Amino acid sequence: MEEKKLYPMRFCSLQDEYTWGTDEFCLADLGYRDSLIRDGWLAGNALSEVMDTYMDRVVGENVFNFWGRQFPVQVKHIRVKGKMPLRVHPDAETAVQRYDFLGREKLWYVLRAGKNASLMLGFKQDTDAAEVFSSCTDGSIDKMMNIVAPYEGQFIHIRPGVPHAAKGDIELIEISESSPLDFCLCSWGEEVSPEEFDPSLGLVEALDFIDYKAWKAPEAPHFHAGDPVRKLVDIPEFTVTMLKLSDPLHIYSERFESFILYSCLQGEASVQLEILGQTARFPLTAGQTMLVPAECPDFLLVPTDRDTRILETTVAPREEKDSYLSK
């Protein structure tokens, strides 16, 4: 019997409600949060189950050899209506050695920002552990933070060790490594949900990896007005590119040596490819994330609505072996 081919997959989202807003996992392989496939003959299967069964057919041989059976990135839609707890994530070495998890390199993309929205990103000036501990404990840490006025389309690569939070009326897309390692530094007097932060991941545990240097916004890539393709972040853990679709794109996934994730920000598109001699169409609407497995060698990405904008996420080949994979 001929083996069934994998196909572009959409997922059922998982939403958590907090006092400050909502966290919606669009794609996750975290154990306690595991996305279910929405359509097709794999519908109802968890992403982790698909990874266990189809392995390199999902993510590509190189990605699988380095990252193993865990899908390497996750996507969240964050809606803030209050004041998000101040958080920080560790670097890969700390994450693996202490917690046996991946690190948490993170990209925030601003979908929408209300008039009262703000982002807290790193410290205004150099500080130290004693001052940060005291200020987090009494809730005055925001006075030490850089306050950034966000705008639609803004993107920020949040590096390990940089404290960050969002406040007011704002929506974000977060793309990060597959890891639960956000540490809560300050909850502004609100009760911390164990669903959001592991109780063992708190201020004291984070003090030795926080970046106490003054934070400077990374230099943004130079774009020309109307550029249809914009690379937002390109790091060893993942690459994220903004696509403004006005015409169909022919994608050859073999050149990525990776799966491809498409997260639709606005508009609508479809992934079209040949299956058993016929053209199959897989729709992607605003708010959805689609995984195109590495097994799909080439396909068309076709806009079906005006001003369609999509974030494309891939993982570049890596040669070195991560000790995390030997577990």
Protein backbone atom coordinates (compact mmCIF):
# COMPACT_ATOMS: atom_id res chain seq x y z
CA MET A 1 0.00 0.00 0.00
CA GLU A 2 1.31 3.42 -0.96
CA GLU A 3 2.29 5.51 2.04
CA LYS A 4 0.09 8.54 2.64
CA LYS A 5 1.78 11.85 2.06
CA LEU A 6 1.74 14.58 4.65
CA TYR A 7 -0.11 17.78 3.81
CA PRO A 8 -0.36 21.41 5.05
CA MET A 9 -1.90 21.35 8.54
CA ARG A 10 -3.96 23.89 10.44
CA PHE A 11 -4.44 23.63 14.21
CA CYS A 12 -7.06 24.10 16.90
CA SER A 13 -5.99 26.96 19.14
CA LEU A 14 -5.63 26.73 22.93
CA GLN A 15 -6.58 29.82 24.91
CA ASP A 16 -5.75 30.76 28.49
CA GLU A 17 -7.49 33.66 30.27
CA TYR A 18 -5.61 35.80 32.79
CA THR A 19 -6.39 38.98 34.69
CA TRP A 20 -4.31 40.98 32.20
CA GLY A 21 -5.70 39.39 29.01
CA THR A 22 -5.43 36.17 27.00
CA ASP A 23 -2.68 33.88 25.77
CA GLU A 24 -3.73 31.90 22.68
CA PHE A 25 -1.44 29.11 21.52
CA CYS A 26 -1.78 28.92 17.74
CA LEU A 27 0.81 26.14 17.53
CA ALA A 28 2.52 24.41 20.46
CA ASP A 29 4.36 21.21 21.31
CA LEU A 30 4.93 21.64 25.04
CA GLY A 31 3.26 18.62 26.63
CA TYR A 32 0.97 20.68 28.84
CA ARG A 33 -0.04 22.60 25.70
CA ASP A 34 -0.15 20.41 22.58
CA SER A 35 -1.92 21.61 19.44
CA LEU A 36 -4.44 19.33 17.72
CA ILE A 37 -4.60 19.15 13.93
CA ARG A 38 -7.83 20.61 12.60
CA ASP A 39 -8.26 19.07 9.12
CA GLY A 40 -7.56 16.05 6.94
CA TRP A 41 -6.75 12.45 7.73
CA LEU A 42 -4.58 13.50 10.68
CA ALA A 43 -7.37 15.58 12.28
CA GLY A 44 -7.54 15.13 16.05
CA ASN A 45 -3.90 14.06 16.36
CA ALA A 46 -1.62 16.17 18.56
CA LEU A 47 1.44 17.78 17.02
CA SER A 48 3.64 15.74 19.37
CA GLU A 49 2.06 12.51 18.08
CA VAL A 50 2.69 13.53 14.49
CA MET A 51 6.31 14.35 15.36
CA ASP A 52 6.76 10.97 17.09
CA THR A 53 5.40 9.14 14.06
CA TYR A 54 6.66 11.09 11.05
CA MET A 55 9.73 12.83 12.49
CA ASP A 56 11.97 14.18 9.68
CA ARG A 57 9.09 13.98 7.19
CA VAL A 58 7.52 16.84 9.18
CA VAL A 59 10.47 19.11 9.92
CA GLY A 60 13.19 18.01 7.48
CA GLU A 61 16.20 15.77 8.04
CA ASN A 62 18.61 18.46 9.20
CA VAL A 63 16.13 20.04 11.61
CA PHE A 64 15.22 16.65 13.04
CA ASN A 65 18.87 15.63 13.46
CA PHE A 66 19.52 18.77 15.51
CA TRP A 67 16.26 19.38 17.40
CA GLY A 68 14.90 15.85 17.76
CA ARG A 69 11.26 14.91 18.24
CA GLN A 70 10.06 18.18 19.74
CA PHE A 71 8.74 20.68 17.22
CA PRO A 72 11.28 23.52 17.58
CA VAL A 73 9.11 26.67 17.53
CA GLN A 74 5.77 27.85 18.89
CA VAL A 75 3.33 30.62 17.93
CA LYS A 76 1.06 32.61 20.27
CA HIS A 77 -1.52 35.37 19.81
CA ILE A 78 -1.41 37.60 22.90
CA ARG A 79 -4.23 40.03 23.68
CA VAL A 80 -3.43 42.45 26.50
CA LYS A 81 -6.11 44.52 28.25
CA GLY A 82 -4.30 45.25 31.51
CA LYS A 83 -0.73 44.97 32.76
CA MET A 84 1.12 41.79 31.87
CA PRO A 85 3.47 40.42 34.55
CA LEU A 86 7.10 41.35 33.97
CA ARG A 87 8.92 38.31 32.64
CA VAL A 88 12.32 37.15 31.43
CA HIS A 89 13.65 34.05 29.68
CA PRO A 90 17.06 32.33 29.97
CA ASP A 91 19.65 31.59 27.32
CA ALA A 92 19.94 28.11 25.81
CA GLU A 93 22.82 26.99 28.03
CA THR A 94 20.98 27.91 31.24
CA ALA A 95 17.73 26.37 29.99
CA VAL A 96 19.31 23.04 29.08
CA GLN A 97 21.63 22.66 32.06
CA ARG A 98 19.11 23.62 34.75
CA TYR A 99 15.73 22.66 33.32
CA ASP A 100 16.31 20.28 30.39
CA PHE A 101 14.35 22.60 28.09
CA LEU A 102 15.15 24.62 25.03
CA GLY A 103 15.94 28.31 25.43
CA ARG A 104 13.34 30.93 24.60
CA GLU A 105 14.55 33.27 21.86
CA LYS A 106 11.47 35.37 21.14
CA LEU A 107 10.00 37.70 18.53
CA TRP A 108 7.11 40.06 19.28
CA TYR A 109 5.16 41.42 16.31
CA VAL A 110 2.58 44.14 17.07
CA LEU A 111 -0.74 43.35 15.41
CA ARG A 112 -2.63 46.26 16.92
CA ALA A 113 -1.91 48.97 19.49
CA GLY A 114 -4.49 51.12 21.28
CA LYS A 115 -3.84 54.67 22.47
CA ASN A 116 -2.86 53.58 25.98
CA ALA A 117 -0.60 50.69 24.91
CA SER A 118 3.03 50.45 25.97
CA LEU A 119 5.85 47.93 26.03
CA MET A 120 8.44 47.55 28.80
CA LEU A 121 11.76 46.41 27.35
CA GLY A 122 14.97 46.18 29.38
CA PHE A 123 16.45 48.76 31.74
CA LYS A 124 16.93 52.47 31.06
CA GLN A 125 20.38 52.36 32.65
CA ASP A 126 22.79 49.82 34.08
CA THR A 127 21.62 48.27 37.33
CA ASP A 128 22.34 45.24 39.52
CA ALA A 129 20.65 42.25 41.13
CA ALA A 130 20.07 43.94 44.51
CA GLU A 131 18.28 46.94 42.98
CA VAL A 132 16.19 44.79 40.66
CA PHE A 133 15.21 42.43 43.48
CA SER A 134 14.10 45.32 45.69
CA SER A 135 12.18 47.06 42.89
CA CYS A 136 10.44 43.88 41.74
CA THR A 137 9.45 43.08 45.32
CA ASP A 138 7.83 46.47 45.97
CA GLY A 139 6.36 46.79 42.47
CA SER A 140 8.35 49.87 41.43
CA ILE A 141 10.41 48.10 38.76
CA ASP A 142 8.50 49.78 35.93
CA LYS A 143 10.26 53.06 36.82
CA MET A 144 13.55 51.41 35.82
CA MET A 145 12.27 50.07 32.51
CA ASN A 146 12.37 51.47 29.00
CA ILE A 147 8.79 52.34 28.04
CA VAL A 148 8.17 51.99 24.30
CA ALA A 149 5.06 53.24 22.47
CA PRO A 150 4.16 50.38 20.12
CA TYR A 151 2.66 50.68 16.65
CA GLU A 152 1.07 48.26 14.20
CA GLY A 153 3.71 46.34 12.28
CA GLN A 154 6.47 46.90 14.86
CA PHE A 155 8.65 43.87 15.58
CA ILE A 156 11.11 43.30 18.40
CA HIS A 157 13.59 40.48 18.91
CA ILE A 158 13.62 39.94 22.68
CA ARG A 159 16.92 38.37 23.61
CA PRO A 160 17.50 36.11 26.64
CA GLY A 161 17.91 37.99 29.92
CA VAL A 162 15.94 41.09 28.84
CA PRO A 163 12.92 41.72 31.13
CA HIS A 164 9.78 42.60 29.17
CA ALA A 165 6.02 43.07 29.44
CA ALA A 166 3.10 44.72 27.66
CA LYS A 167 0.49 47.07 29.08
CA GLY A 168 -2.82 48.56 27.94
CA ASP A 169 -4.76 47.65 24.81
CA ILE A 170 -2.40 45.74 22.53
CA GLU A 171 -2.30 42.55 20.44
CA LEU A 172 0.92 40.67 19.72
CA ILE A 173 2.06 37.67 17.74
CA GLU A 174 4.82 35.86 19.62
CA ILE A 175 7.11 33.43 17.81
CA SER A 176 9.62 31.67 20.02
CA GLU A 177 11.46 28.45 20.63
CA SER A 178 9.34 25.61 22.01
CA SER A 179 9.87 26.20 25.70
CA PRO A 180 7.76 27.08 28.76
CA LEU A 181 10.65 29.00 30.37
CA ASP A 182 9.26 32.43 31.12
CA PHE A 183 10.20 33.54 34.65
CA CYS A 184 7.86 35.89 36.55
CA LEU A 185 9.78 38.88 37.96
CA CYS A 186 6.86 41.05 39.09
CA SER A 187 3.09 40.54 38.97
CA TRP A 188 2.19 44.09 40.14
CA GLY A 189 0.36 42.74 43.20
CA GLU A 190 -1.85 40.35 41.21
CA GLU A 191 -2.07 36.64 41.92
CA VAL A 192 0.13 34.62 39.54
CA SER A 193 -1.61 31.74 37.79
CA PRO A 194 0.32 28.43 37.83
CA GLU A 195 -0.99 27.95 34.28
CA GLU A 196 1.08 30.94 33.17
CA PHE A 197 4.22 30.54 35.29
CA ASP A 198 5.63 27.45 36.96
CA PRO A 199 5.85 28.43 40.68
CA SER A 200 9.55 27.48 40.64
CA LEU A 201 10.29 30.01 37.88
CA GLY A 202 10.38 33.25 39.83
CA LEU A 203 12.47 36.30 40.62
CA VAL A 204 15.12 34.63 42.77
CA GLU A 205 15.75 31.89 40.19
CA ALA A 206 16.22 34.48 37.42
CA LEU A 207 18.61 36.88 39.18
CA ASP A 208 21.80 35.33 37.82
CA PHE A 209 20.82 35.42 34.13
CA ILE A 210 19.01 38.78 33.90
CA ASP A 211 20.77 41.27 31.64
CA TYR A 212 21.42 44.24 33.95
CA LYS A 213 22.93 46.44 31.23
CA ALA A 214 20.98 49.35 29.76
CA TRP A 215 18.84 48.06 26.90
CA LYS A 216 19.23 49.56 23.46
CA ALA A 217 16.72 48.83 20.75
CA PRO A 218 18.33 46.64 18.08
CA GLU A 219 18.86 48.40 14.79
CA ALA A 220 15.87 47.67 12.58
CA PRO A 221 16.53 46.27 9.09
CA HIS A 222 16.26 48.86 6.33
CA PHE A 223 13.19 48.34 4.17
CA HIS A 224 12.12 50.10 1.02
CA ALA A 225 8.50 51.25 0.86
CA GLY A 226 6.35 48.54 -0.66
CA ASP A 227 8.88 45.72 -0.17
CA PRO A 228 6.85 42.49 -0.55
CA VAL A 229 9.37 40.43 1.45
CA ARG A 230 10.90 41.65 4.73
CA LYS A 231 13.17 39.53 6.93
CA LEU A 232 12.31 40.44 10.53
CA VAL A 233 14.70 38.19 12.43
CA ASP A 234 17.35 35.73 11.32
CA ILE A 235 18.95 33.83 14.21
CA PRO A 236 20.15 30.22 14.53
CA GLU A 237 16.92 29.23 16.30
CA PHE A 238 14.53 30.50 13.59
CA THR A 239 14.03 32.96 10.74
CA VAL A 240 10.85 35.04 10.41
CA THR A 241 9.97 36.85 7.19
CA MET A 242 7.03 39.15 6.46
CA LEU A 243 5.27 38.44 3.16
CA LYS A 244 2.93 40.99 1.56
CA LEU A 245 1.05 38.92 -0.97
CA SER A 246 -0.38 40.48 -4.11
CA ASP A 247 0.51 37.65 -6.51
CA PRO A 248 1.02 33.91 -6.11
CA LEU A 249 4.43 32.79 -4.86
CA HIS A 250 5.97 29.50 -5.98
CA ILE A 251 7.70 28.09 -2.91
CA TYR A 252 10.38 25.42 -3.18
CA SER A 253 10.69 24.15 0.37
CA GLU A 254 13.74 22.07 -0.52
CA ARG A 255 15.85 25.23 -0.50
CA PHE A 256 14.94 25.81 3.16
CA GLU A 257 15.75 22.23 4.21
CA SER A 258 12.96 22.81 6.75
CA PHE A 259 9.26 22.85 7.39
CA ILE A 260 7.58 26.22 6.81
CA LEU A 261 5.08 27.90 9.15
CA TYR A 262 2.66 30.50 7.80
CA SER A 263 0.88 32.75 10.31
CA CYS A 264 -1.75 34.89 8.59
CA LEU A 265 -1.93 38.42 10.04
CA GLN A 266 -4.61 39.81 7.74
CA GLY A 267 -6.40 38.87 4.57
CA GLU A 268 -6.58 35.29 3.31
CA ALA A 269 -4.49 32.91 1.23
CA SER A 270 -4.31 29.28 0.21
CA VAL A 271 -1.49 26.79 -0.13
CA GLN A 272 -1.91 24.84 -3.34
CA LEU A 273 -0.05 21.68 -4.31
CA GLU A 274 -0.45 18.55 -6.38
CA ILE A 275 -1.75 15.48 -4.55
CA LEU A 276 -2.46 12.32 -6.56
CA GLY A 277 -2.51 14.27 -9.79
CA GLN A 278 -4.99 16.89 -8.59
CA THR A 279 -4.55 20.40 -7.22
CA ALA A 280 -5.41 20.50 -3.51
CA ARG A 281 -6.14 23.84 -1.86
CA PHE A 282 -5.58 24.48 1.84
CA PRO A 283 -7.08 27.80 3.03
CA LEU A 284 -5.37 30.06 5.56
CA THR A 285 -7.31 32.93 7.12
CA ALA A 286 -6.34 35.75 9.48
CA GLY A 287 -5.44 34.45 12.94
CA GLN A 288 -4.53 30.95 11.75
CA THR A 289 -1.13 29.25 11.58
CA MET A 290 -0.39 26.52 9.03
CA LEU A 291 2.45 24.01 9.05
CA VAL A 292 3.69 22.98 5.61
CA PRO A 293 5.77 19.82 6.21
CA ALA A 294 9.21 19.45 4.68
CA GLU A 295 7.76 16.52 2.73
CA CYS A 296 5.88 19.00 0.51
CA PRO A 297 8.71 19.89 -1.93
CA ASP A 298 7.04 22.73 -3.81
CA PHE A 299 3.72 24.55 -3.74
CA LEU A 300 1.98 27.80 -4.50
CA LEU A 301 1.10 30.39 -1.85
CA VAL A 302 -1.85 32.23 -3.38
CA PRO A 303 -3.52 35.36 -1.94
CA THR A 304 -7.31 35.16 -2.05
CA ASP A 305 -7.95 38.56 -0.45
CA ARG A 306 -6.49 42.02 -0.88
CA ASP A 307 -3.60 43.17 1.30
CA THR A 308 -2.82 39.71 2.63
CA ARG A 309 0.07 39.68 5.09
CA ILE A 310 1.74 36.55 6.41
CA LEU A 311 4.64 35.73 8.72
CA GLU A 312 6.79 32.91 7.36
CA THR A 313 8.87 30.97 9.90
CA THR A 314 11.64 28.51 9.03
CA VAL A 315 14.61 26.95 10.81
CA ALA A 316 18.01 27.07 9.10
CA PRO A 317 20.34 24.05 8.91
CA ARG A 318 22.76 23.69 11.83
CA GLU A 319 25.80 21.46 12.10
CA GLU A 320 26.54 21.37 15.81
CA LYS A 321 24.63 18.94 18.02
CA ASP A 322 22.69 20.28 21.03
CA SER A 323 23.17 18.28 24.24
CA TYR A 324 19.43 18.63 24.82
CA LEU A 325 18.81 16.12 22.02
CA SER A 326 20.69 13.32 23.72
CA LYS A 327 18.03 13.14 26.43
